[in-house]
Amino acid sequence: MSKIFNLDGWSNLVTGLGGGRDKNKANQIQTEIQEWATLTALFRADPMGRRVCEVVPHYALRENPTFSCEDNKIKELLEDEEKRLNLVAKVKEAWVYANIYGGCALVIGADGESTEPLDPKAEIKFLRVVDRTQINYFGEMDRDFSSENWGEPSFYQVTPINGSPMPFHHSRIVKIHGENLPRREYVANQYWGDSVFTSIAETLGKYAMVQDAMANLVIDYRQLVYKFNNLEDLLQNGQGEFLQKRVEMMDAVSSIINAKVLDGDESLEIIGGGQTSGMGELADRAIMRVCAERGIPHTVMLGDSAGGLGSTGESERLDFNNLVESQRKVKAVDAIKKILDQCLRANNISVYDYDMLWPSLWLANPKEELEARRAQSEVDRAYVDMGLPEDVVLRSRFGGATGYSFETQVPDEVFDMIENTEEDLTVGNEYGPYRPNGR
């Protein structure tokens, strides 16, 4: 009985494409794990490597958030604690290190033994940023299925540079991961994420290679060749230093009188001047590959203007802003909130509800800002016509710590007031009587 094989995809019996003779069948995906020193060098020596690691954290955390809370005491406390701990700046620093090495940690400095769980009401005295190269887990993982730390290490060991190892309970460690990994790879990587360079190092290398090739092409574009009669005899007779000085003198004279001065035994030949068209396009394609792999528009990566007829770059920037917002939620917001919640409990505030409001990622020019405020004023008038108290609108627009805000914060009392109007339309509170539909 003959065997029948089902092969998905196209094949060509004549050319061999898709079959056993197809060279593409030999392609394999390889993962190259970089050493710490290599990751550091990619960040320090490659400008694009540094840019890749810093650009998203920079945009996401370039300004501190404001806090929205009905209790002004909690709001002021959150602002004071964020400033005291320099929290946003340290989370930003940790995020960059996480991109480089695959992970970073904020170590909480508080009272109690470092190997004991953090007291829910312990005051945070300081925060230390410790990158992946200085922290490792030890002991068993947390096997309590009901624990928030389930499946993660229970203890970590921090080894400062030129310092002694120090053990810490997991509750005193706030981790920020690099790139996501499948669970098995995550565990194999010592419970940390991956460096951004693992997937992009080859692309960065190709871009650098194109840049170097262009630089060498410029240098070799017009090559001057000096010819000396009996050159071999001169070198054998110890005239090498004389020849070197002679060439240097010709270059010096050339720069002064814009001409080469030769004697009877010398000649000059100019070679090069080949075609250089297409090199600029090749460099653009190389950097676009970097941008595409990281989801960063070239207008952000390179700081240039959008290209193409009628192109404004707004679509790419919108996609990038969405990426920044989603990454901020995953990488930064949870870490910031975990630390601020501990600060509230340390001040005997066990019941709290607050929101972090981040400034817009769009930086408008004065004209665009004016147009946006004019449009917002029309929306505000509609809110007031629907019954929203004017002082609530004014407080939302101008009552924040960062000045004008487009966010409209409506206190719960206003909603309670609207619900109570079904029983008595004259019910009011500190905002005055409710006016349905502006009446």
Protein backbone atom coordinates (compact mmCIF):
# COMPACT_ATOMS: atom_id res chain seq x y z
CA MET A 1 0.00 0.00 0.00
CA SER A 2 1.44 3.34 -1.04
CA LYS A 3 1.78 6.16 1.45
CA ILE A 4 0.14 9.53 0.85
CA PHE A 5 1.69 12.72 2.28
CA ASN A 6 -0.28 15.95 2.65
CA LEU A 7 1.93 19.03 2.20
CA ASP A 8 0.46 22.47 2.91
CA GLY A 9 1.60 25.27 0.61
CA TRP A 10 2.74 25.72 -2.96
CA SER A 11 5.54 23.75 -4.65
CA ASN A 12 7.12 23.75 -8.08
CA LEU A 13 8.46 20.49 -9.47
CA VAL A 14 10.56 22.25 -12.10
CA THR A 15 12.34 24.88 -9.96
CA GLY A 16 12.20 22.87 -6.74
CA LEU A 17 10.63 25.75 -4.79
CA GLY A 18 8.61 24.42 -1.88
CA GLY A 19 10.07 20.96 -2.26
CA GLY A 20 13.08 19.10 -0.95
CA ARG A 21 15.46 21.06 -3.21
CA ASP A 22 14.24 24.46 -1.95
CA LYS A 23 17.14 26.25 -0.22
CA ASN A 24 14.70 28.07 2.02
CA LYS A 25 13.89 24.75 3.69
CA ALA A 26 17.27 25.01 5.41
CA ASN A 27 16.33 28.29 7.14
CA GLN A 28 16.17 28.09 10.92
CA ILE A 29 15.26 30.54 13.68
CA GLN A 30 18.12 31.11 16.11
CA THR A 31 18.14 32.85 19.46
CA GLU A 32 21.47 34.31 20.52
CA ILE A 33 21.70 35.09 24.21
CA GLN A 34 23.98 38.07 24.74
CA GLU A 35 26.45 38.39 27.60
CA TRP A 36 26.05 41.23 30.11
CA ALA A 37 29.11 42.98 28.67
CA THR A 38 27.68 42.80 25.15
CA LEU A 39 24.33 44.24 26.26
CA THR A 40 26.13 47.05 28.06
CA ALA A 41 28.24 47.79 24.98
CA LEU A 42 25.16 47.88 22.73
CA PHE A 43 23.64 50.49 25.02
CA ARG A 44 26.78 52.55 25.55
CA ALA A 45 28.43 52.47 22.12
CA ASP A 46 25.49 52.23 19.70
CA PRO A 47 23.41 55.45 19.61
CA MET A 48 20.46 53.62 18.06
CA GLY A 49 20.71 50.91 20.71
CA ARG A 50 20.50 53.55 23.43
CA ARG A 51 17.61 55.23 21.64
CA VAL A 52 15.66 51.98 21.41
CA CYS A 53 16.00 51.43 25.17
CA GLU A 54 15.18 54.99 26.23
CA VAL A 55 12.56 56.35 23.86
CA VAL A 56 9.40 54.64 25.19
CA PRO A 57 10.21 55.16 28.90
CA HIS A 58 11.09 58.79 28.13
CA TYR A 59 7.78 59.53 26.43
CA ALA A 60 5.74 57.52 28.92
CA LEU A 61 7.21 59.13 32.05
CA ARG A 62 8.49 62.49 30.85
CA GLU A 63 6.06 64.22 33.23
CA ASN A 64 4.70 63.18 36.59
CA PRO A 65 1.04 62.20 36.95
CA THR A 66 -1.56 64.13 38.86
CA PHE A 67 -3.84 62.39 41.31
CA SER A 68 -7.62 62.46 41.35
CA CYS A 69 -9.26 61.72 44.70
CA GLU A 70 -12.27 63.00 46.58
CA ASP A 71 -10.21 63.26 49.77
CA ASN A 72 -7.76 66.15 49.39
CA LYS A 73 -5.70 64.75 52.26
CA ILE A 74 -5.00 61.58 50.29
CA LYS A 75 -4.27 63.57 47.14
CA GLU A 76 -1.73 65.78 48.90
CA LEU A 77 -0.14 62.79 50.61
CA LEU A 78 0.30 60.98 47.28
CA GLU A 79 1.95 64.04 45.74
CA ASP A 80 4.28 64.46 48.73
CA GLU A 81 5.30 60.79 48.79
CA GLU A 82 5.95 60.66 45.07
CA LYS A 83 8.18 63.71 45.39
CA ARG A 84 9.95 62.44 48.52
CA LEU A 85 10.83 59.08 46.96
CA ASN A 86 11.49 60.53 43.49
CA LEU A 87 9.30 57.64 42.45
CA VAL A 88 8.54 58.33 38.79
CA ALA A 89 12.19 59.09 37.98
CA LYS A 90 13.34 55.84 39.60
CA VAL A 91 10.70 53.77 37.81
CA LYS A 92 11.83 55.37 34.54
CA GLU A 93 15.45 54.47 35.31
CA ALA A 94 14.46 50.90 36.16
CA TRP A 95 12.43 50.62 32.94
CA VAL A 96 15.46 51.57 30.83
CA TYR A 97 17.63 48.99 32.63
CA ALA A 98 14.90 46.39 32.14
CA ASN A 99 15.04 47.05 28.39
CA ILE A 100 18.81 46.57 28.41
CA TYR A 101 19.16 43.51 30.63
CA GLY A 102 15.68 42.01 30.60
CA GLY A 103 14.73 43.11 34.10
CA CYS A 104 15.28 45.53 36.95
CA ALA A 105 14.01 45.86 40.50
CA LEU A 106 13.11 48.58 42.95
CA VAL A 107 14.24 47.44 46.38
CA ILE A 108 12.12 48.89 49.17
CA GLY A 109 14.07 50.18 52.15
CA ALA A 110 11.90 49.85 55.27
CA ASP A 111 12.10 48.72 58.90
CA GLY A 112 12.24 45.03 59.78
CA GLU A 113 14.41 42.14 58.74
CA SER A 114 14.96 42.10 54.99
CA THR A 115 14.04 38.40 54.83
CA GLU A 116 10.71 38.99 56.58
CA PRO A 117 7.54 40.06 54.75
CA LEU A 118 7.12 43.82 54.53
CA ASP A 119 4.80 45.12 57.25
CA PRO A 120 1.68 46.49 55.51
CA LYS A 121 2.06 49.68 57.56
CA ALA A 122 5.84 50.03 57.34
CA GLU A 123 7.13 53.39 56.13
CA ILE A 124 9.16 53.32 52.93
CA LYS A 125 12.34 55.16 53.76
CA PHE A 126 14.05 54.86 50.38
CA LEU A 127 14.08 53.02 47.07
CA ARG A 128 17.10 51.46 45.39
CA VAL A 129 17.28 50.68 41.66
CA VAL A 130 19.01 47.33 41.09
CA ASP A 131 19.43 46.07 37.54
CA ARG A 132 19.22 42.43 36.46
CA THR A 133 22.97 41.87 36.77
CA GLN A 134 22.82 42.47 40.52
CA ILE A 135 19.81 40.42 41.59
CA ASN A 136 18.98 36.71 41.54
CA TYR A 137 16.36 34.55 43.18
CA PHE A 138 17.16 31.83 45.66
CA GLY A 139 15.13 29.23 47.50
CA GLU A 140 11.84 27.75 46.33
CA MET A 141 9.05 29.43 44.46
CA ASP A 142 5.82 30.45 46.15
CA ARG A 143 3.49 27.44 45.88
CA ASP A 144 0.48 29.03 47.56
CA PHE A 145 -2.09 29.11 44.75
CA SER A 146 -4.07 31.86 46.50
CA SER A 147 -1.00 34.10 46.83
CA GLU A 148 -0.46 37.07 44.52
CA ASN A 149 3.13 35.86 44.26
CA TRP A 150 2.17 32.32 43.20
CA GLY A 151 4.69 30.77 40.83
CA GLU A 152 7.31 33.41 41.61
CA PRO A 153 10.40 33.20 43.85
CA SER A 154 9.88 33.84 47.55
CA PHE A 155 13.31 35.39 48.09
CA TYR A 156 15.85 37.37 46.12
CA GLN A 157 19.53 38.05 46.67
CA VAL A 158 20.87 41.49 45.81
CA THR A 159 24.61 41.75 45.20
CA PRO A 160 25.69 45.38 44.78
CA ILE A 161 28.77 46.11 42.69
CA ASN A 162 31.78 45.65 44.98
CA GLY A 163 29.38 44.77 47.80
CA SER A 164 28.23 41.76 49.79
CA PRO A 165 25.08 39.73 48.94
CA MET A 166 21.91 40.74 50.79
CA PRO A 167 18.73 38.60 50.95
CA PHE A 168 15.25 40.12 50.57
CA HIS A 169 11.71 38.83 50.88
CA HIS A 170 9.74 39.15 47.65
CA SER A 171 7.37 41.70 49.22
CA ARG A 172 10.31 44.13 49.41
CA ILE A 173 11.06 43.76 45.69
CA VAL A 174 9.13 45.55 42.93
CA LYS A 175 10.12 43.97 39.60
CA ILE A 176 10.01 45.59 36.18
CA HIS A 177 10.46 43.13 33.35
CA GLY A 178 11.92 43.53 29.88
CA GLU A 179 10.38 41.84 26.85
CA ASN A 180 7.75 39.19 27.48
CA LEU A 181 8.80 35.55 27.32
CA PRO A 182 6.78 32.33 27.23
CA ARG A 183 6.41 30.90 30.74
CA ARG A 184 8.98 28.14 30.29
CA GLU A 185 11.54 30.57 28.88
CA TYR A 186 10.70 33.04 31.64
CA VAL A 187 11.46 30.45 34.31
CA ALA A 188 14.61 29.32 32.50
CA ASN A 189 15.70 32.97 32.42
CA GLN A 190 15.69 33.10 36.24
CA TYR A 191 12.15 34.58 36.40
CA TRP A 192 12.99 37.64 34.32
CA GLY A 193 12.00 38.99 30.93
CA ASP A 194 14.22 39.33 27.90
CA SER A 195 16.49 42.13 26.72
CA VAL A 196 15.27 44.14 23.74
CA PHE A 197 18.65 43.47 22.14
CA THR A 198 17.98 39.74 21.87
CA SER A 199 15.69 40.27 18.90
CA ILE A 200 17.06 43.52 17.50
CA ALA A 201 20.85 43.27 17.86
CA GLU A 202 21.27 41.81 14.36
CA THR A 203 19.17 44.58 12.82
CA LEU A 204 21.15 47.24 14.68
CA GLY A 205 24.35 45.63 13.42
CA LYS A 206 23.15 45.74 9.82
CA TYR A 207 22.19 49.41 10.14
CA ALA A 208 25.62 50.24 11.61
CA MET A 209 27.26 48.26 8.80
CA VAL A 210 25.42 50.34 6.19
CA GLN A 211 26.49 53.56 7.90
CA ASP A 212 30.12 52.41 8.06
CA ALA A 213 30.03 51.36 4.41
CA MET A 214 28.76 54.81 3.42
CA ALA A 215 31.52 56.48 5.45
CA ASN A 216 34.17 54.32 3.78
CA LEU A 217 32.67 55.07 0.38
CA VAL A 218 33.01 58.79 1.02
CA ILE A 219 36.63 58.35 2.08
CA ASP A 220 37.48 56.21 -0.93
CA TYR A 221 35.35 58.21 -3.38
CA ARG A 222 38.42 60.07 -4.72
CA GLN A 223 41.66 58.31 -3.89
CA LEU A 224 45.00 60.04 -4.60
CA VAL A 225 47.85 57.73 -5.65
CA TYR A 226 51.40 59.16 -5.51
CA LYS A 227 53.93 57.49 -7.84
CA PHE A 228 57.67 57.63 -7.27
CA ASN A 229 60.30 56.33 -9.64
CA ASN A 230 62.51 53.62 -8.13
CA LEU A 231 60.27 53.43 -5.03
CA GLU A 232 61.66 50.03 -3.99
CA ASP A 233 65.26 51.30 -4.17
CA LEU A 234 64.37 54.34 -2.06
CA LEU A 235 62.81 52.17 0.64
CA GLN A 236 65.77 49.80 0.71
CA ASN A 237 68.14 52.76 1.09
CA GLY A 238 66.34 53.97 4.18
CA GLN A 239 64.43 56.77 2.44
CA GLY A 240 61.04 55.78 3.87
CA GLU A 241 60.91 58.71 6.28
CA PHE A 242 61.84 61.08 3.45
CA LEU A 243 58.98 59.74 1.32
CA GLN A 244 56.48 60.14 4.16
CA LYS A 245 57.51 63.75 4.73
CA ARG A 246 57.37 64.41 1.00
CA VAL A 247 53.75 63.18 0.80
CA GLU A 248 52.80 65.22 3.87
CA MET A 249 54.38 68.32 2.32
CA MET A 250 52.45 67.80 -0.94
CA ASP A 251 49.18 67.55 1.00
CA ALA A 252 50.02 70.71 2.97
CA VAL A 253 50.89 72.67 -0.17
CA SER A 254 47.74 71.40 -1.85
CA SER A 255 45.57 72.75 0.97
CA ILE A 256 47.18 76.20 0.63
CA ILE A 257 47.38 76.77 -3.12
CA ASN A 258 44.78 74.19 -4.19
CA ALA A 259 47.32 72.44 -6.40
CA LYS A 260 49.79 69.56 -6.23
CA VAL A 261 53.49 70.36 -6.61
CA LEU A 262 55.53 67.50 -8.09
CA ASP A 263 59.11 67.14 -9.24
CA GLY A 264 60.33 65.30 -12.28
CA ASP A 265 60.46 61.85 -10.66
CA GLU A 266 56.92 61.99 -9.26
CA SER A 267 53.42 61.59 -10.67
CA LEU A 268 49.88 61.66 -9.34
CA GLU A 269 46.85 59.60 -10.24
CA ILE A 270 43.27 60.12 -9.08
CA ILE A 271 41.09 57.04 -8.93
CA GLY A 272 37.50 56.58 -7.76
CA GLY A 273 34.54 58.81 -8.43
CA GLY A 274 32.19 55.86 -8.84
CA GLN A 275 28.44 55.82 -8.52
CA THR A 276 26.93 56.44 -5.08
CA SER A 277 23.26 56.53 -6.00
CA GLY A 278 21.02 54.28 -3.94
CA MET A 279 23.10 54.42 -0.76
CA GLY A 280 20.73 56.89 0.89
CA GLU A 281 17.74 54.67 0.13
CA LEU A 282 19.62 51.67 1.49
CA ALA A 283 20.32 53.51 4.76
CA ASP A 284 16.67 54.56 5.02
CA ARG A 285 15.52 50.98 4.59
CA ALA A 286 17.95 49.82 7.27
CA ILE A 287 16.68 52.30 9.85
CA MET A 288 13.05 51.64 8.89
CA ARG A 289 13.66 47.99 9.73
CA VAL A 290 14.74 49.07 13.24
CA CYS A 291 11.67 51.31 13.57
CA ALA A 292 9.31 48.60 12.37
CA GLU A 293 10.67 45.97 14.76
CA ARG A 294 10.23 48.28 17.77
CA GLY A 295 7.02 50.03 16.66
CA ILE A 296 8.70 53.44 16.83
CA PRO A 297 8.04 55.94 13.99
CA HIS A 298 11.14 57.27 12.27
CA THR A 299 9.93 60.79 13.13
CA VAL A 300 10.44 59.83 16.79
CA MET A 301 13.51 57.64 16.34
CA LEU A 302 15.42 60.11 14.18
CA GLY A 303 13.70 63.36 15.08
CA ASP A 304 13.03 64.19 11.42
CA SER A 305 9.84 65.30 9.70
CA ALA A 306 7.28 63.02 8.10
CA GLY A 307 8.03 62.17 4.47
CA GLY A 308 5.81 61.67 1.47
CA LEU A 309 3.30 63.84 -0.37
CA GLY A 310 0.68 65.10 2.08
CA SER A 311 2.18 63.09 4.91
CA THR A 312 1.79 64.58 8.40
CA GLY A 313 2.99 61.67 10.52
CA GLU A 314 -0.13 61.87 12.70
CA SER A 315 -1.19 58.28 12.00
CA GLU A 316 2.22 56.89 12.97
CA ARG A 317 2.37 59.13 16.03
CA LEU A 318 -1.11 58.00 17.09
CA ASP A 319 0.00 54.36 16.90
CA PHE A 320 3.14 55.21 18.86
CA ASN A 321 1.15 57.04 21.54
CA ASN A 322 -1.11 54.02 21.91
CA LEU A 323 1.98 51.84 22.29
CA VAL A 324 3.43 54.18 24.92
CA GLU A 325 0.19 54.24 26.91
CA SER A 326 -0.15 50.46 26.89
CA GLN A 327 3.50 49.98 27.86
CA ARG A 328 3.16 52.53 30.65
CA LYS A 329 0.27 50.58 32.15
CA VAL A 330 2.22 47.32 32.03
CA LYS A 331 5.71 48.51 32.99
CA ALA A 332 5.19 51.53 35.24
CA VAL A 333 1.70 52.11 36.61
CA ASP A 334 1.44 48.90 38.64
CA ALA A 335 4.89 49.47 40.16
CA ILE A 336 4.10 53.08 41.06
CA LYS A 337 0.71 52.16 42.53
CA LYS A 338 2.14 49.32 44.61
CA ILE A 339 4.61 51.67 46.27
CA LEU A 340 2.09 54.50 46.76
CA ASP A 341 -0.44 52.10 48.30
CA GLN A 342 2.21 51.11 50.83
CA CYS A 343 2.79 54.80 51.58
CA LEU A 344 -0.92 55.31 52.26
CA ARG A 345 -1.12 52.33 54.60
CA ALA A 346 1.97 53.57 56.42
CA ASN A 347 0.02 56.76 57.13
CA ASN A 348 -2.90 54.79 58.62
CA ILE A 349 -5.06 55.14 55.51
CA SER A 350 -6.48 51.70 54.87
CA VAL A 351 -9.44 52.70 52.68
CA TYR A 352 -8.52 54.70 49.62
CA ASP A 353 -9.56 55.23 46.03
CA TYR A 354 -7.55 57.38 43.65
CA ASP A 355 -6.64 57.64 39.99
CA MET A 356 -3.39 58.62 38.33
CA LEU A 357 -3.91 61.06 35.49
CA TRP A 358 -1.08 61.33 32.98
CA PRO A 359 -0.49 64.39 30.79
CA SER A 360 -1.34 64.06 27.12
CA LEU A 361 1.36 62.51 24.96
CA TRP A 362 0.62 65.11 22.29
CA LEU A 363 2.67 68.28 22.56
CA ALA A 364 0.61 70.90 20.74
CA ASN A 365 1.89 74.26 19.60
CA PRO A 366 0.18 77.41 21.03
CA LYS A 367 -2.24 77.66 18.10
CA GLU A 368 -3.28 74.00 18.40
CA GLU A 369 -3.62 74.38 22.16
CA LEU A 370 -5.90 77.38 21.72
CA GLU A 371 -8.09 75.51 19.24
CA ALA A 372 -8.32 72.53 21.59
CA ARG A 373 -9.37 74.75 24.51
CA ARG A 374 -11.98 76.47 22.36
CA ALA A 375 -13.45 73.09 21.40
CA GLN A 376 -13.36 71.98 25.05
CA SER A 377 -15.23 75.12 26.12
CA GLU A 378 -18.11 74.13 23.82
CA VAL A 379 -18.17 70.69 25.42
CA ASP A 380 -18.16 72.30 28.88
CA ARG A 381 -21.15 74.47 27.96
CA ALA A 382 -22.99 71.33 26.90
CA TYR A 383 -22.13 69.72 30.25
CA VAL A 384 -23.51 72.74 32.11
CA ASP A 385 -26.69 72.71 30.00
CA MET A 386 -27.16 69.07 31.02
CA GLY A 387 -26.98 70.07 34.67
CA LEU A 388 -23.31 69.73 35.62
CA PRO A 389 -22.46 72.51 38.12
CA GLU A 390 -20.20 75.18 36.68
CA ASP A 391 -17.79 75.08 39.63
CA VAL A 392 -17.18 71.36 38.97
CA VAL A 393 -16.19 72.18 35.38
CA LEU A 394 -13.94 75.06 36.44
CA ARG A 395 -12.28 72.94 39.12
CA SER A 396 -11.59 70.20 36.56
CA ARG A 397 -10.11 72.62 34.04
CA PHE A 398 -7.97 74.82 36.26
CA GLY A 399 -7.77 73.14 39.66
CA GLY A 400 -5.07 70.58 38.90
CA ALA A 401 -1.43 70.75 39.87
CA THR A 402 -0.27 70.98 36.23
CA GLY A 403 -2.56 73.84 35.17
CA TYR A 404 -5.15 73.40 32.44
CA SER A 405 -6.59 69.91 32.08
CA PHE A 406 -8.96 68.37 29.55
CA GLU A 407 -10.15 65.76 32.06
CA THR A 408 -13.55 66.37 33.66
CA GLN A 409 -13.71 64.97 37.18
CA VAL A 410 -17.27 64.67 38.47
CA PRO A 411 -17.67 64.00 42.25
CA ASP A 412 -20.00 61.21 43.34
CA GLU A 413 -22.18 63.76 45.10
CA VAL A 414 -23.27 65.15 41.74
CA PHE A 415 -24.44 61.73 40.56
CA ASP A 416 -26.24 61.18 43.86
CA MET A 417 -27.90 64.54 43.41
CA ILE A 418 -29.10 63.62 39.92
CA GLU A 419 -30.58 60.33 41.17
CA ASN A 420 -32.43 62.08 44.00
CA THR A 421 -34.18 64.48 41.60
CA GLU A 422 -36.62 61.74 40.72
CA GLU A 423 -38.09 62.24 44.21
CA ASP A 424 -37.57 65.98 44.54
CA LEU A 425 -36.27 68.19 41.75
CA THR A 426 -35.34 70.87 44.26
CA VAL A 427 -32.87 68.68 46.13
CA GLY A 428 -29.47 70.40 46.28
CA ASN A 429 -26.18 70.30 48.07
CA GLU A 430 -23.04 72.39 48.06
CA TYR A 431 -23.31 72.68 44.27
CA GLY A 432 -26.83 74.15 44.45
CA PRO A 433 -30.08 72.71 43.05
CA TYR A 434 -29.96 70.34 40.15
CA ARG A 435 -31.13 71.84 36.88
CA PRO A 436 -32.21 69.14 34.41
CA ASN A 437 -31.44 70.13 30.83
CA GLY A 438 -30.16 73.47 32.02
CA ARG A 439 -33.52 74.63 33.46
